[in-house]
Amino acid sequence: MTAHILTSPNILKLLAHDMRWQIVRLLVTGDYQVNELVDQLGQPLNLVSYHLRQLRDGELVSARRSEADGRDTYYSVDLNRLRTLYRVAGAALHPLVVSDSQLSGPIAGKVLFVCTHNSARSQMAEGLMRHLSAGQIQVASAGSEPTHIHPDAVRTMQKFGIDIRGQHANSLDDYHEQTFDTVITVCDRAREVCPAFPGGGQQLHWGFTDPAAIDDEKERQQAFMNTALRLQSRIEYWLRGLQAGG
C-alpha cells in the first residue's frame, strides 16, 4: 500500500490527538485487543473504540480475527507504512527532518519467542533476532506443543543468509527455571492459551498467521517469506527502540 492514500497532513492530524497517539504508541510494541487497550489507557470502551475507528479509517491501524478464538479481534500497526507516512510528513517540512536511525553500538538483553509448535514463526524470529542483533541479544524460542522445525522456515531463512539448521524445537517447560527480559508471542493461540510465561519480564504479542497451515506449496512458501519480512521489520524496530532506551 502506497503513501499517497493518506496525505501527510492527515497523518499529523490523526496522531495529534492525545488518545490516538497513546493507542498507536501501544500498538507499535505489539498487538492488542480493545479491552486490553481500555485497561492500559484507563479510558472507557466507547471512547477507545471511537478513536480506534478513526485510526482504522485513516488506514494507520488494522484489525484481524484471532486464530485462537474468532470472537476476539486484535488491532495492529503496519510499522513500515507508519514510517513511510511519517517520513513523507517530515520531508514536506524539510529534507533534513528525515533521517535513518541505524543500529549501532552495544545492546544487551535476553529474549524468548513463543508459538504453539515452535516450528515456523518463532524459529524464524529466533534466527532473525540473533542475526540482526549481531549476536548481542541472547535469544531462544519455544512452543506450548513443540514439534519440529518446518523445512520452509529453514529455506526461507537461507534466503536471508541465515542458517537455522542448528536450532531445535523446544518446550516452554525447558525454560521454566530461566529468566528473560522480554517474552514475545508470535501466534494468538500461544498467547491466549498460555498467558503466563517463565521468567517474568516484559511480555509482547506480535501476532502472525501460521504460514505452515497453507496447503498449496507455492502459496505456503510466499506466506513464509511474507511472515519473515514482517518479523524482520518488527525486530529491527524493537532493536532500535532498545538502543534508544525505549
Protein backbone atom coordinates (compact mmCIF):
# COMPACT_ATOMS: atom_id res chain seq x y z
CA MET A 1 0.00 0.00 0.00
CA THR A 2 1.48 3.34 -1.03
CA ALA A 3 1.79 6.50 1.00
CA HIS A 4 -0.29 8.69 -1.33
CA ILE A 5 -3.50 7.10 0.00
CA LEU A 6 -3.09 9.09 3.22
CA THR A 7 -1.55 12.53 2.78
CA SER A 8 0.92 13.89 5.29
CA PRO A 9 -1.46 16.48 6.85
CA ASN A 10 -3.93 13.69 7.65
CA ILE A 11 -1.41 11.55 9.49
CA LEU A 12 -0.34 14.54 11.56
CA LYS A 13 -3.97 15.31 12.41
CA LEU A 14 -4.62 11.71 13.38
CA LEU A 15 -1.59 11.45 15.63
CA ALA A 16 -2.01 14.93 17.11
CA HIS A 17 -4.91 13.73 19.27
CA ASP A 18 -3.58 12.52 22.62
CA MET A 19 -5.79 9.42 22.79
CA ARG A 20 -4.91 8.27 19.28
CA TRP A 21 -1.24 8.97 19.94
CA GLN A 22 -1.37 6.76 23.05
CA ILE A 23 -3.14 3.98 21.14
CA VAL A 24 -0.54 3.98 18.38
CA ARG A 25 2.27 4.10 20.96
CA LEU A 26 0.90 0.88 22.44
CA LEU A 27 0.29 -0.82 19.10
CA VAL A 28 3.82 -0.24 17.82
CA THR A 29 5.01 -2.52 20.64
CA GLY A 30 2.57 -5.33 19.83
CA ASP A 31 -0.99 -6.38 19.04
CA TYR A 32 -3.82 -5.65 21.48
CA GLN A 33 -7.50 -6.45 21.88
CA VAL A 34 -9.78 -3.49 22.58
CA ASN A 35 -10.40 -4.48 26.21
CA GLU A 36 -6.64 -4.59 26.76
CA LEU A 37 -6.29 -1.09 25.32
CA VAL A 38 -9.06 0.06 27.66
CA ASP A 39 -7.15 -1.36 30.63
CA GLN A 40 -3.84 0.14 29.51
CA LEU A 41 -5.27 3.59 28.82
CA GLY A 42 -7.71 3.74 31.72
CA GLN A 43 -10.38 5.13 29.39
CA PRO A 44 -13.97 3.99 28.70
CA LEU A 45 -14.64 1.42 26.00
CA ASN A 46 -16.75 3.71 23.82
CA LEU A 47 -14.02 6.36 23.71
CA VAL A 48 -11.24 3.91 22.87
CA SER A 49 -13.43 2.26 20.21
CA TYR A 50 -14.20 5.64 18.64
CA HIS A 51 -10.54 6.55 18.27
CA LEU A 52 -9.68 3.06 17.01
CA ARG A 53 -12.26 3.60 14.29
CA GLN A 54 -10.64 6.93 13.39
CA LEU A 55 -7.26 5.23 13.09
CA ARG A 56 -8.72 2.37 11.04
CA ASP A 57 -10.49 4.80 8.70
CA GLY A 58 -7.16 6.59 8.29
CA GLU A 59 -5.54 3.21 7.50
CA LEU A 60 -2.99 3.53 10.29
CA VAL A 61 -4.46 0.62 12.29
CA SER A 62 -5.79 -2.71 11.04
CA ALA A 63 -7.93 -5.38 12.70
CA ARG A 64 -7.88 -9.15 12.37
CA ARG A 65 -9.73 -12.05 13.98
CA SER A 66 -7.79 -14.16 16.46
CA GLU A 67 -6.63 -17.54 15.18
CA ALA A 68 -7.33 -18.97 18.63
CA ASP A 69 -10.86 -17.59 19.09
CA GLY A 70 -12.62 -15.95 16.15
CA ARG A 71 -14.77 -13.93 18.52
CA ASP A 72 -11.72 -11.90 19.54
CA THR A 73 -10.16 -9.14 17.45
CA TYR A 74 -6.56 -7.95 17.53
CA TYR A 75 -5.53 -4.46 16.45
CA SER A 76 -2.10 -3.78 14.98
CA VAL A 77 0.01 -1.17 13.20
CA ASP A 78 1.92 -1.68 9.96
CA LEU A 79 5.26 -0.24 11.09
CA ASN A 80 6.67 0.18 7.60
CA ARG A 81 3.59 2.06 6.43
CA LEU A 82 3.62 4.25 9.53
CA ARG A 83 7.30 5.02 8.97
CA THR A 84 6.72 5.88 5.30
CA LEU A 85 3.84 8.22 6.09
CA TYR A 86 5.77 9.91 8.87
CA ARG A 87 8.78 10.36 6.60
CA VAL A 88 6.55 11.94 3.95
CA ALA A 89 5.25 14.37 6.55
CA GLY A 90 8.77 15.19 7.76
CA ALA A 91 10.19 15.60 4.28
CA ALA A 92 7.36 18.01 3.44
CA LEU A 93 8.74 20.30 6.14
CA HIS A 94 12.43 19.94 5.28
CA PRO A 95 14.57 17.06 3.93
CA LEU A 96 16.87 17.20 6.96
CA VAL A 97 13.95 16.36 9.23
CA VAL A 98 14.05 12.81 7.85
CA SER A 99 16.97 10.61 8.86
CA ASP A 100 17.51 6.89 9.20
CA SER A 101 18.26 5.55 12.67
CA GLN A 102 20.75 2.76 12.10
CA LEU A 103 21.50 0.18 14.76
CA SER A 104 24.97 0.85 16.12
CA GLY A 105 26.76 0.43 19.41
CA PRO A 106 26.26 -2.14 22.16
CA ILE A 107 22.90 -3.57 23.16
CA ALA A 108 22.01 -6.35 25.56
CA GLY A 109 19.04 -8.44 26.59
CA LYS A 110 17.55 -11.91 26.78
CA VAL A 111 14.50 -12.70 24.63
CA LEU A 112 12.21 -15.72 24.31
CA PHE A 113 9.93 -16.15 21.27
CA VAL A 114 6.89 -18.38 21.77
CA CYS A 115 4.37 -20.00 19.44
CA THR A 116 2.37 -23.22 19.59
CA HIS A 117 4.60 -25.71 17.76
CA ASN A 118 7.93 -23.82 17.73
CA SER A 119 8.27 -24.91 14.11
CA ALA A 120 7.99 -21.81 11.92
CA ARG A 121 7.25 -18.30 13.21
CA SER A 122 9.19 -18.48 16.48
CA GLN A 123 12.09 -20.33 14.84
CA MET A 124 12.46 -17.66 12.15
CA ALA A 125 12.13 -14.95 14.80
CA GLU A 126 14.93 -16.54 16.82
CA GLY A 127 17.23 -16.68 13.79
CA LEU A 128 16.41 -13.13 12.72
CA MET A 129 16.91 -11.69 16.21
CA ARG A 130 20.29 -13.37 16.57
CA HIS A 131 21.36 -12.15 13.13
CA LEU A 132 20.03 -8.58 13.32
CA SER A 133 21.47 -8.02 16.79
CA ALA A 134 24.83 -9.44 15.67
CA GLY A 135 24.56 -11.96 18.48
CA GLN A 136 24.30 -9.29 21.18
CA ILE A 137 20.80 -10.39 22.21
CA GLN A 138 20.57 -13.79 23.90
CA VAL A 139 17.61 -15.36 22.15
CA ALA A 140 15.69 -18.63 22.34
CA SER A 141 12.35 -19.94 21.14
CA ALA A 142 9.86 -22.45 22.49
CA GLY A 143 6.39 -23.87 21.94
CA SER A 144 3.48 -24.89 24.10
CA GLU A 145 3.18 -28.04 21.93
CA PRO A 146 6.58 -28.32 20.19
CA THR A 147 7.02 -30.49 17.11
CA HIS A 148 9.92 -29.88 14.68
CA ILE A 149 11.36 -27.08 12.56
CA HIS A 150 9.41 -26.70 9.33
CA PRO A 151 11.65 -27.12 6.25
CA ASP A 152 10.15 -23.98 4.67
CA ALA A 153 11.34 -22.00 7.70
CA VAL A 154 14.88 -23.24 7.06
CA ARG A 155 14.67 -22.46 3.33
CA THR A 156 13.21 -19.01 3.92
CA MET A 157 15.92 -18.06 6.39
CA GLN A 158 18.59 -19.24 3.95
CA LYS A 159 17.31 -16.56 1.55
CA PHE A 160 18.17 -14.02 4.27
CA GLY A 161 21.64 -15.51 4.64
CA ILE A 162 20.67 -17.07 7.98
CA ASP A 163 21.23 -20.73 8.84
CA ILE A 164 18.79 -22.06 11.46
CA ARG A 165 19.50 -25.75 10.89
CA GLY A 166 21.23 -25.86 14.27
CA GLN A 167 18.12 -24.68 16.09
CA HIS A 168 15.73 -27.14 17.70
CA ALA A 169 12.05 -27.24 18.66
CA ASN A 170 11.85 -26.66 22.41
CA SER A 171 9.13 -26.87 25.03
CA LEU A 172 8.23 -23.98 27.32
CA ASP A 173 8.95 -26.41 30.15
CA ASP A 174 12.62 -26.34 29.13
CA TYR A 175 12.82 -22.71 30.25
CA HIS A 176 10.74 -22.71 33.43
CA GLU A 177 13.81 -22.00 35.59
CA GLN A 178 15.24 -19.29 33.33
CA THR A 179 14.52 -15.56 33.34
CA PHE A 180 14.01 -13.37 30.27
CA ASP A 181 13.92 -9.61 29.82
CA THR A 182 11.26 -9.96 27.13
CA VAL A 183 8.90 -12.77 26.12
CA ILE A 184 7.29 -12.32 22.69
CA THR A 185 4.41 -14.48 21.49
CA VAL A 186 4.10 -14.71 17.72
CA CYS A 187 0.86 -16.68 17.48
CA ASP A 188 -2.53 -15.94 19.01
CA ARG A 189 -3.08 -19.43 20.39
CA ALA A 190 0.13 -19.43 22.42
CA ARG A 191 -0.68 -16.02 23.78
CA GLU A 192 -4.25 -16.87 24.78
CA VAL A 193 -3.75 -20.45 25.95
CA CYS A 194 -0.57 -19.72 27.90
CA PRO A 195 -0.92 -16.19 29.33
CA ALA A 196 1.88 -16.70 31.89
CA PHE A 197 5.44 -17.31 30.78
CA PRO A 198 8.64 -18.24 32.58
CA GLY A 199 10.98 -15.68 33.99
CA GLY A 200 8.67 -12.68 34.12
CA GLY A 201 9.94 -9.61 32.31
CA GLN A 202 8.13 -7.68 29.60
CA GLN A 203 5.54 -9.58 27.57
CA LEU A 204 4.72 -8.56 23.99
CA HIS A 205 2.43 -10.05 21.37
CA TRP A 206 3.27 -9.91 17.66
CA GLY A 207 0.50 -11.91 16.02
CA PHE A 208 1.22 -13.67 12.72
CA THR A 209 -0.96 -16.21 10.94
CA ASP A 210 0.65 -19.62 10.58
CA PRO A 211 2.28 -19.95 7.13
CA ALA A 212 2.65 -23.70 7.64
CA ALA A 213 -1.15 -24.07 7.63
CA ILE A 214 -1.33 -23.33 3.88
CA ASP A 215 -1.60 -26.46 1.71
CA ASP A 216 -0.57 -25.07 -1.67
CA GLU A 217 3.23 -25.24 -1.83
CA LYS A 218 3.77 -22.03 -3.80
CA GLU A 219 1.37 -20.04 -1.64
CA ARG A 220 2.89 -21.51 1.52
CA GLN A 221 6.42 -20.52 0.51
CA GLN A 222 5.23 -16.98 -0.25
CA ALA A 223 3.48 -16.86 3.12
CA PHE A 224 6.71 -17.90 4.84
CA MET A 225 8.57 -15.11 3.05
CA ASN A 226 5.90 -12.53 3.94
CA THR A 227 5.99 -13.63 7.58
CA ALA A 228 9.78 -13.43 7.67
CA LEU A 229 9.76 -9.92 6.20
CA ARG A 230 7.22 -8.75 8.77
CA LEU A 231 9.22 -10.37 11.57
CA GLN A 232 12.35 -8.66 10.30
CA SER A 233 10.58 -5.29 10.40
CA ARG A 234 9.25 -5.88 13.91
CA ILE A 235 12.64 -6.96 15.23
CA GLU A 236 14.51 -4.07 13.60
CA TYR A 237 12.15 -1.54 15.18
CA TRP A 238 12.33 -3.31 18.53
CA LEU A 239 16.14 -3.27 18.48
CA ARG A 240 16.24 0.43 17.62
CA GLY A 241 13.85 1.13 20.46
CA LEU A 242 16.01 -0.92 22.82
CA GLN A 243 19.11 1.01 21.81
CA ALA A 244 17.28 4.30 22.26
CA GLY A 245 16.20 3.22 25.72
CA GLY A 246 12.54 2.97 24.74
